[in-house]
PDB file of N, CA and C in Angstrom:
ATOM      1  N   MET A   1     -14.959 -20.651 -32.196  1.00  0.00           N
ATOM      2  CA  MET A   1     -14.748 -20.759 -30.772  1.00  0.00           C
ATOM      3  C   MET A   1     -14.313 -19.396 -30.276  1.00  0.00           C
ATOM      4  N   LYS A   2     -14.869 -18.976 -29.150  1.00  0.00           N
ATOM      5  CA  LYS A   2     -14.549 -17.698 -28.560  1.00  0.00           C
ATOM      6  C   LYS A   2     -13.433 -17.842 -27.519  1.00  0.00           C
ATOM      7  N   VAL A   3     -12.468 -16.941 -27.591  1.00  0.00           N
ATOM      8  CA  VAL A   3     -11.334 -16.924 -26.641  1.00  0.00           C
ATOM      9  C   VAL A   3     -11.223 -15.521 -26.113  1.00  0.00           C
ATOM     10  N   ARG A   4     -11.034 -15.391 -24.821  1.00  0.00           N
ATOM     11  CA  ARG A   4     -10.830 -14.096 -24.138  1.00  0.00           C
ATOM     12  C   ARG A   4      -9.360 -13.987 -23.756  1.00  0.00           C
ATOM     13  N   VAL A   5      -8.751 -12.863 -24.142  1.00  0.00           N
ATOM     14  CA  VAL A   5      -7.386 -12.591 -23.745  1.00  0.00           C
ATOM     15  C   VAL A   5      -7.432 -11.349 -22.793  1.00  0.00           C
ATOM     16  N   THR A   6      -6.954 -11.534 -21.596  1.00  0.00           N
ATOM     17  CA  THR A   6      -6.885 -10.444 -20.629  1.00  0.00           C
ATOM     18  C   THR A   6      -5.438 -10.005 -20.499  1.00  0.00           C
ATOM     19  N   VAL A   7      -5.199  -8.700 -20.746  1.00  0.00           N
ATOM     20  CA  VAL A   7      -3.859  -8.159 -20.725  1.00  0.00           C
ATOM     21  C   VAL A   7      -3.761  -7.144 -19.570  1.00  0.00           C
ATOM     22  N   MET A   8      -2.762  -7.328 -18.683  1.00  0.00           N
ATOM     23  CA  MET A   8      -2.555  -6.456 -17.541  1.00  0.00           C
ATOM     24  C   MET A   8      -1.098  -6.026 -17.454  1.00  0.00           C
ATOM     25  N   LEU A   9      -0.833  -4.875 -16.908  1.00  0.00           N
ATOM     26  CA  LEU A   9       0.526  -4.484 -16.647  1.00  0.00           C
ATOM     27  C   LEU A   9       1.171  -5.431 -15.648  1.00  0.00           C
ATOM     28  N   LYS A  10       2.453  -5.699 -15.835  1.00  0.00           N
ATOM     29  CA  LYS A  10       3.173  -6.571 -14.906  1.00  0.00           C
ATOM     30  C   LYS A  10       3.264  -5.887 -13.539  1.00  0.00           C
ATOM     31  N   ASP A  11       3.373  -6.699 -12.508  1.00  0.00           N
ATOM     32  CA  ASP A  11       3.621  -6.180 -11.156  1.00  0.00           C
ATOM     33  C   ASP A  11       4.903  -5.339 -11.202  1.00  0.00           C
ATOM     34  N   GLY A  12       4.877  -4.192 -10.528  1.00  0.00           N
ATOM     35  CA  GLY A  12       6.033  -3.344 -10.505  1.00  0.00           C
ATOM     36  C   GLY A  12       6.051  -2.286 -11.566  1.00  0.00           C
ATOM     37  N   VAL A  13       5.169  -2.411 -12.593  1.00  0.00           N
ATOM     38  CA  VAL A  13       5.081  -1.409 -13.660  1.00  0.00           C
ATOM     39  C   VAL A  13       4.072  -0.355 -13.204  1.00  0.00           C
ATOM     40  N   LEU A  14       4.495   0.885 -13.261  1.00  0.00           N
ATOM     41  CA  LEU A  14       3.632   2.013 -12.818  1.00  0.00           C
ATOM     42  C   LEU A  14       2.343   2.024 -13.662  1.00  0.00           C
ATOM     43  N   ASP A  15       1.224   2.256 -13.018  1.00  0.00           N
ATOM     44  CA  ASP A  15      -0.078   2.306 -13.705  1.00  0.00           C
ATOM     45  C   ASP A  15      -0.735   3.654 -13.386  1.00  0.00           C
ATOM     46  N   PRO A  16      -0.410   4.689 -14.199  1.00  0.00           N
ATOM     47  CA  PRO A  16      -0.996   6.015 -13.916  1.00  0.00           C
ATOM     48  C   PRO A  16      -2.508   6.064 -14.045  1.00  0.00           C
ATOM     49  N   GLN A  17      -3.039   5.282 -14.993  1.00  0.00           N
ATOM     50  CA  GLN A  17      -4.491   5.257 -15.131  1.00  0.00           C
ATOM     51  C   GLN A  17      -5.162   4.660 -13.873  1.00  0.00           C
ATOM     52  N   GLY A  18      -4.550   3.620 -13.371  1.00  0.00           N
ATOM     53  CA  GLY A  18      -5.056   3.002 -12.152  1.00  0.00           C
ATOM     54  C   GLY A  18      -5.029   3.957 -10.998  1.00  0.00           C
ATOM     55  N   LYS A  19      -3.901   4.703 -10.837  1.00  0.00           N
ATOM     56  CA  LYS A  19      -3.814   5.700  -9.799  1.00  0.00           C
ATOM     57  C   LYS A  19      -4.840   6.787  -9.907  1.00  0.00           C
ATOM     58  N   ALA A  20      -5.105   7.243 -11.155  1.00  0.00           N
ATOM     59  CA  ALA A  20      -6.126   8.268 -11.366  1.00  0.00           C
ATOM     60  C   ALA A  20      -7.493   7.766 -10.995  1.00  0.00           C
ATOM     61  N   VAL A  21      -7.826   6.534 -11.377  1.00  0.00           N
ATOM     62  CA  VAL A  21      -9.138   5.951 -11.028  1.00  0.00           C
ATOM     63  C   VAL A  21      -9.252   5.797  -9.520  1.00  0.00           C
ATOM     64  N   ALA A  22      -8.203   5.304  -8.882  1.00  0.00           N
ATOM     65  CA  ALA A  22      -8.248   5.122  -7.409  1.00  0.00           C
ATOM     66  C   ALA A  22      -8.485   6.480  -6.720  1.00  0.00           C
ATOM     67  N   HIS A  23      -7.819   7.518  -7.200  1.00  0.00           N
ATOM     68  CA  HIS A  23      -7.974   8.858  -6.608  1.00  0.00           C
ATOM     69  C   HIS A  23      -9.426   9.348  -6.807  1.00  0.00           C
ATOM     70  N   ALA A  24      -9.962   9.201  -8.037  1.00  0.00           N
ATOM     71  CA  ALA A  24     -11.318   9.607  -8.327  1.00  0.00           C
ATOM     72  C   ALA A  24     -12.305   8.873  -7.462  1.00  0.00           C
ATOM     73  N   LEU A  25     -12.117   7.578  -7.262  1.00  0.00           N
ATOM     74  CA  LEU A  25     -13.048   6.832  -6.407  1.00  0.00           C
ATOM     75  C   LEU A  25     -13.045   7.331  -4.992  1.00  0.00           C
ATOM     76  N   HIS A  26     -11.851   7.680  -4.470  1.00  0.00           N
ATOM     77  CA  HIS A  26     -11.777   8.235  -3.115  1.00  0.00           C
ATOM     78  C   HIS A  26     -12.483   9.598  -3.033  1.00  0.00           C
ATOM     79  N   VAL A  27     -12.266  10.427  -4.074  1.00  0.00           N
ATOM     80  CA  VAL A  27     -12.923  11.753  -4.109  1.00  0.00           C
ATOM     81  C   VAL A  27     -14.427  11.614  -4.176  1.00  0.00           C
ATOM     82  N   LEU A  28     -14.942  10.574  -4.842  1.00  0.00           N
ATOM     83  CA  LEU A  28     -16.381  10.366  -4.919  1.00  0.00           C
ATOM     84  C   LEU A  28     -16.956   9.687  -3.681  1.00  0.00           C
ATOM     85  N   GLY A  29     -16.105   9.425  -2.718  1.00  0.00           N
ATOM     86  CA  GLY A  29     -16.581   8.884  -1.442  1.00  0.00           C
ATOM     87  C   GLY A  29     -16.554   7.374  -1.356  1.00  0.00           C
ATOM     88  N   PHE A  30     -15.938   6.720  -2.283  1.00  0.00           N
ATOM     89  CA  PHE A  30     -15.826   5.254  -2.210  1.00  0.00           C
ATOM     90  C   PHE A  30     -14.553   4.894  -1.463  1.00  0.00           C
ATOM     91  N   GLY A  31     -14.720   4.717  -0.122  1.00  0.00           N
ATOM     92  CA  GLY A  31     -13.592   4.384   0.726  1.00  0.00           C
ATOM     93  C   GLY A  31     -13.242   2.917   0.637  1.00  0.00           C
ATOM     94  N   GLY A  32     -12.100   2.553   1.172  1.00  0.00           N
ATOM     95  CA  GLY A  32     -11.726   1.153   1.257  1.00  0.00           C
ATOM     96  C   GLY A  32     -11.210   0.612  -0.052  1.00  0.00           C
ATOM     97  N   VAL A  33     -10.938   1.460  -1.026  1.00  0.00           N
ATOM     98  CA  VAL A  33     -10.405   0.992  -2.291  1.00  0.00           C
ATOM     99  C   VAL A  33      -8.875   1.065  -2.201  1.00  0.00           C
ATOM    100  N   GLY A  34      -8.217  -0.077  -2.418  1.00  0.00           N
ATOM    101  CA  GLY A  34      -6.774  -0.128  -2.384  1.00  0.00           C
ATOM    102  C   GLY A  34      -6.208   0.223  -3.773  1.00  0.00           C
ATOM    103  N   GLU A  35      -5.256  -0.550  -4.198  1.00  0.00           N
ATOM    104  CA  GLU A  35      -4.618  -0.340  -5.488  1.00  0.00           C
ATOM    105  C   GLU A  35      -5.623  -0.674  -6.621  1.00  0.00           C
ATOM    106  N   VAL A  36      -5.576   0.155  -7.641  1.00  0.00           N
ATOM    107  CA  VAL A  36      -6.422  -0.106  -8.862  1.00  0.00           C
ATOM    108  C   VAL A  36      -5.450  -0.301 -10.034  1.00  0.00           C
ATOM    109  N   ARG A  37      -5.704  -1.352 -10.794  1.00  0.00           N
ATOM    110  CA  ARG A  37      -4.873  -1.649 -11.956  1.00  0.00           C
ATOM    111  C   ARG A  37      -5.836  -1.660 -13.171  1.00  0.00           C
ATOM    112  N   ILE A  38      -5.419  -1.045 -14.227  1.00  0.00           N
ATOM    113  CA  ILE A  38      -6.217  -0.948 -15.465  1.00  0.00           C
ATOM    114  C   ILE A  38      -5.613  -1.884 -16.496  1.00  0.00           C
ATOM    115  N   GLY A  39      -6.446  -2.658 -17.121  1.00  0.00           N
ATOM    116  CA  GLY A  39      -5.963  -3.567 -18.191  1.00  0.00           C
ATOM    117  C   GLY A  39      -6.965  -3.548 -19.321  1.00  0.00           C
ATOM    118  N   ARG A  40      -6.929  -4.547 -20.178  1.00  0.00           N
ATOM    119  CA  ARG A  40      -7.896  -4.625 -21.269  1.00  0.00           C
ATOM    120  C   ARG A  40      -8.227  -6.080 -21.531  1.00  0.00           C
ATOM    121  N   VAL A  41      -9.423  -6.268 -22.094  1.00  0.00           N
ATOM    122  CA  VAL A  41      -9.923  -7.604 -22.445  1.00  0.00           C
ATOM    123  C   VAL A  41     -10.218  -7.593 -23.951  1.00  0.00           C
ATOM    124  N   ILE A  42      -9.672  -8.603 -24.624  1.00  0.00           N
ATOM    125  CA  ILE A  42      -9.889  -8.785 -26.033  1.00  0.00           C
ATOM    126  C   ILE A  42     -10.591 -10.109 -26.239  1.00  0.00           C
ATOM    127  N   GLU A  43     -11.744 -10.089 -26.909  1.00  0.00           N
ATOM    128  CA  GLU A  43     -12.482 -11.353 -27.222  1.00  0.00           C
ATOM    129  C   GLU A  43     -12.279 -11.639 -28.693  1.00  0.00           C
ATOM    130  N   LEU A  44     -11.869 -12.862 -28.983  1.00  0.00           N
ATOM    131  CA  LEU A  44     -11.598 -13.294 -30.325  1.00  0.00           C
ATOM    132  C   LEU A  44     -12.542 -14.445 -30.679  1.00  0.00           C
ATOM    133  N   GLU A  45     -13.137 -14.351 -31.870  1.00  0.00           N
ATOM    134  CA  GLU A  45     -13.958 -15.432 -32.406  1.00  0.00           C
ATOM    135  C   GLU A  45     -13.058 -16.166 -33.425  1.00  0.00           C
ATOM    136  N   LEU A  46     -12.638 -17.391 -33.118  1.00  0.00           N
ATOM    137  CA  LEU A  46     -11.719 -18.110 -33.951  1.00  0.00           C
ATOM    138  C   LEU A  46     -12.436 -19.260 -34.710  1.00  0.00           C
ATOM    139  N   ASP A  47     -11.991 -19.480 -35.930  1.00  0.00           N
ATOM    140  CA  ASP A  47     -12.480 -20.637 -36.729  1.00  0.00           C
ATOM    141  C   ASP A  47     -11.729 -21.872 -36.251  1.00  0.00           C
ATOM    142  N   GLU A  48     -12.056 -22.325 -35.088  1.00  0.00           N
ATOM    143  CA  GLU A  48     -11.361 -23.481 -34.473  1.00  0.00           C
ATOM    144  C   GLU A  48     -12.366 -24.254 -33.656  1.00  0.00           C
ATOM    145  N   THR A  49     -12.268 -25.595 -33.694  1.00  0.00           N
ATOM    146  CA  THR A  49     -13.205 -26.408 -32.874  1.00  0.00           C
ATOM    147  C   THR A  49     -12.499 -27.051 -31.713  1.00  0.00           C
ATOM    148  N   ASP A  50     -11.168 -27.143 -31.779  1.00  0.00           N
ATOM    149  CA  ASP A  50     -10.401 -27.761 -30.684  1.00  0.00           C
ATOM    150  C   ASP A  50      -9.973 -26.704 -29.693  1.00  0.00           C
ATOM    151  N   PRO A  51     -10.406 -26.793 -28.400  1.00  0.00           N
ATOM    152  CA  PRO A  51     -10.102 -25.768 -27.425  1.00  0.00           C
ATOM    153  C   PRO A  51      -8.585 -25.585 -27.211  1.00  0.00           C
ATOM    154  N   VAL A  52      -7.837 -26.655 -27.285  1.00  0.00           N
ATOM    155  CA  VAL A  52      -6.367 -26.601 -27.126  1.00  0.00           C
ATOM    156  C   VAL A  52      -5.745 -25.768 -28.240  1.00  0.00           C
ATOM    157  N   GLN A  53      -6.184 -26.047 -29.458  1.00  0.00           N
ATOM    158  CA  GLN A  53      -5.664 -25.295 -30.604  1.00  0.00           C
ATOM    159  C   GLN A  53      -6.095 -23.821 -30.539  1.00  0.00           C
ATOM    160  N   ALA A  54      -7.316 -23.581 -30.088  1.00  0.00           N
ATOM    161  CA  ALA A  54      -7.809 -22.196 -29.992  1.00  0.00           C
ATOM    162  C   ALA A  54      -6.958 -21.414 -28.989  1.00  0.00           C
ATOM    163  N   ARG A  55      -6.664 -22.054 -27.846  1.00  0.00           N
ATOM    164  CA  ARG A  55      -5.808 -21.384 -26.845  1.00  0.00           C
ATOM    165  C   ARG A  55      -4.430 -21.109 -27.367  1.00  0.00           C
ATOM    166  N   GLU A  56      -3.857 -22.085 -28.088  1.00  0.00           N
ATOM    167  CA  GLU A  56      -2.513 -21.917 -28.649  1.00  0.00           C
ATOM    168  C   GLU A  56      -2.490 -20.764 -29.656  1.00  0.00           C
ATOM    169  N   LYS A  57      -3.521 -20.676 -30.503  1.00  0.00           N
ATOM    170  CA  LYS A  57      -3.609 -19.565 -31.461  1.00  0.00           C
ATOM    171  C   LYS A  57      -3.695 -18.241 -30.763  1.00  0.00           C
ATOM    172  N   ALA A  58      -4.582 -18.146 -29.751  1.00  0.00           N
ATOM    173  CA  ALA A  58      -4.758 -16.927 -28.986  1.00  0.00           C
ATOM    174  C   ALA A  58      -3.470 -16.548 -28.266  1.00  0.00           C
ATOM    175  N   ASP A  59      -2.771 -17.535 -27.688  1.00  0.00           N
ATOM    176  CA  ASP A  59      -1.476 -17.228 -27.053  1.00  0.00           C
ATOM    177  C   ASP A  59      -0.480 -16.647 -28.044  1.00  0.00           C
ATOM    178  N   ALA A  60      -0.425 -17.245 -29.236  1.00  0.00           N
ATOM    179  CA  ALA A  60       0.465 -16.719 -30.292  1.00  0.00           C
ATOM    180  C   ALA A  60       0.080 -15.272 -30.673  1.00  0.00           C
ATOM    181  N   MET A  61      -1.214 -15.019 -30.817  1.00  0.00           N
ATOM    182  CA  MET A  61      -1.649 -13.687 -31.139  1.00  0.00           C
ATOM    183  C   MET A  61      -1.267 -12.677 -30.021  1.00  0.00           C
ATOM    184  N   ALA A  62      -1.470 -13.088 -28.785  1.00  0.00           N
ATOM    185  CA  ALA A  62      -1.097 -12.235 -27.688  1.00  0.00           C
ATOM    186  C   ALA A  62       0.387 -11.910 -27.662  1.00  0.00           C
ATOM    187  N   ARG A  63       1.196 -12.976 -27.810  1.00  0.00           N
ATOM    188  CA  ARG A  63       2.645 -12.757 -27.820  1.00  0.00           C
ATOM    189  C   ARG A  63       3.097 -11.906 -29.011  1.00  0.00           C
ATOM    190  N   GLY A  64       2.449 -12.034 -30.166  1.00  0.00           N
ATOM    191  CA  GLY A  64       2.881 -11.343 -31.359  1.00  0.00           C
ATOM    192  C   GLY A  64       2.344  -9.924 -31.479  1.00  0.00           C
ATOM    193  N   LEU A  65       1.162  -9.664 -30.906  1.00  0.00           N
ATOM    194  CA  LEU A  65       0.544  -8.354 -31.167  1.00  0.00           C
ATOM    195  C   LEU A  65      -0.218  -7.758 -29.967  1.00  0.00           C
ATOM    196  N   LEU A  66      -1.015  -8.584 -29.318  1.00  0.00           N
ATOM    197  CA  LEU A  66      -1.972  -8.040 -28.381  1.00  0.00           C
ATOM    198  C   LEU A  66      -1.355  -7.564 -27.067  1.00  0.00           C
ATOM    199  N   ALA A  67      -0.224  -8.101 -26.668  1.00  0.00           N
ATOM    200  CA  ALA A  67       0.390  -7.681 -25.400  1.00  0.00           C
ATOM    201  C   ALA A  67       1.854  -7.261 -25.670  1.00  0.00           C
ATOM    202  N   ASN A  68       2.261  -6.241 -24.945  1.00  0.00           N
ATOM    203  CA  ASN A  68       3.692  -5.822 -24.941  1.00  0.00           C
ATOM    204  C   ASN A  68       4.368  -6.599 -23.839  1.00  0.00           C
ATOM    205  N   LEU A  69       5.062  -7.659 -24.173  1.00  0.00           N
ATOM    206  CA  LEU A  69       5.597  -8.581 -23.169  1.00  0.00           C
ATOM    207  C   LEU A  69       6.631  -7.973 -22.290  1.00  0.00           C
ATOM    208  N   VAL A  70       7.185  -6.796 -22.655  1.00  0.00           N
ATOM    209  CA  VAL A  70       8.157  -6.145 -21.811  1.00  0.00           C
ATOM    210  C   VAL A  70       7.493  -5.616 -20.551  1.00  0.00           C
ATOM    211  N   ILE A  71       6.266  -5.102 -20.692  1.00  0.00           N
ATOM    212  CA  ILE A  71       5.597  -4.501 -19.530  1.00  0.00           C
ATOM    213  C   ILE A  71       4.251  -5.130 -19.192  1.00  0.00           C
ATOM    214  N   GLU A  72       3.776  -6.104 -19.996  1.00  0.00           N
ATOM    215  CA  GLU A  72       2.467  -6.640 -19.750  1.00  0.00           C
ATOM    216  C   GLU A  72       2.506  -8.172 -19.705  1.00  0.00           C
ATOM    217  N   ASP A  73       1.564  -8.738 -18.923  1.00  0.00           N
ATOM    218  CA  ASP A  73       1.288 -10.158 -18.874  1.00  0.00           C
ATOM    219  C   ASP A  73      -0.077 -10.419 -19.519  1.00  0.00           C
ATOM    220  N   PHE A  74      -0.351 -11.618 -19.955  1.00  0.00           N
ATOM    221  CA  PHE A  74      -1.687 -11.916 -20.491  1.00  0.00           C
ATOM    222  C   PHE A  74      -2.096 -13.299 -20.046  1.00  0.00           C
ATOM    223  N   VAL A  75      -3.414 -13.487 -20.063  1.00  0.00           N
ATOM    224  CA  VAL A  75      -4.019 -14.779 -19.738  1.00  0.00           C
ATOM    225  C   VAL A  75      -5.057 -15.034 -20.834  1.00  0.00           C
ATOM    226  N   THR A  76      -5.047 -16.244 -21.379  1.00  0.00           N
ATOM    227  CA  THR A  76      -6.062 -16.629 -22.356  1.00  0.00           C
ATOM    228  C   THR A  76      -7.065 -17.609 -21.720  1.00  0.00           C
ATOM    229  N   GLU A  77      -8.328 -17.471 -22.159  1.00  0.00           N
ATOM    230  CA  GLU A  77      -9.390 -18.313 -21.582  1.00  0.00           C
ATOM    231  C   GLU A  77     -10.323 -18.672 -22.746  1.00  0.00           C
ATOM    232  N   VAL A  78     -10.491 -19.982 -22.933  1.00  0.00           N
ATOM    233  CA  VAL A  78     -11.418 -20.430 -23.955  1.00  0.00           C
ATOM    234  C   VAL A  78     -12.846 -20.341 -23.393  1.00  0.00           C
ATOM    235  N   MET A  79     -13.685 -19.623 -24.134  1.00  0.00           N
ATOM    236  CA  MET A  79     -15.045 -19.342 -23.626  1.00  0.00           C
ATOM    237  C   MET A  79     -16.056 -20.390 -24.120  1.00  0.00           C
ATOM    238  N   ALA A  80     -15.999 -20.718 -25.405  1.00  0.00           N
ATOM    239  CA  ALA A  80     -16.957 -21.722 -25.939  1.00  0.00           C
ATOM    240  C   ALA A  80     -16.481 -22.139 -27.312  1.00  0.00           C
TER     241      ALA A  80
END
């Protein structure tokens, strides 16, 4: 079963990569761009058939390794 974990910086945490991308977009002429936040997406293929169990495993992986819970939030999504 495939699970997607999306990790983003928490609100209020400075995102220098996002600021750099926002600036570059403005320089390239892409107006109307507000705040840009950079995160990451991790796709996991799990040996699991139960979607609830797959989500629980992915949540545990995110809490244990994939996300720094001090500065990041995560969302898990069962894909198939």
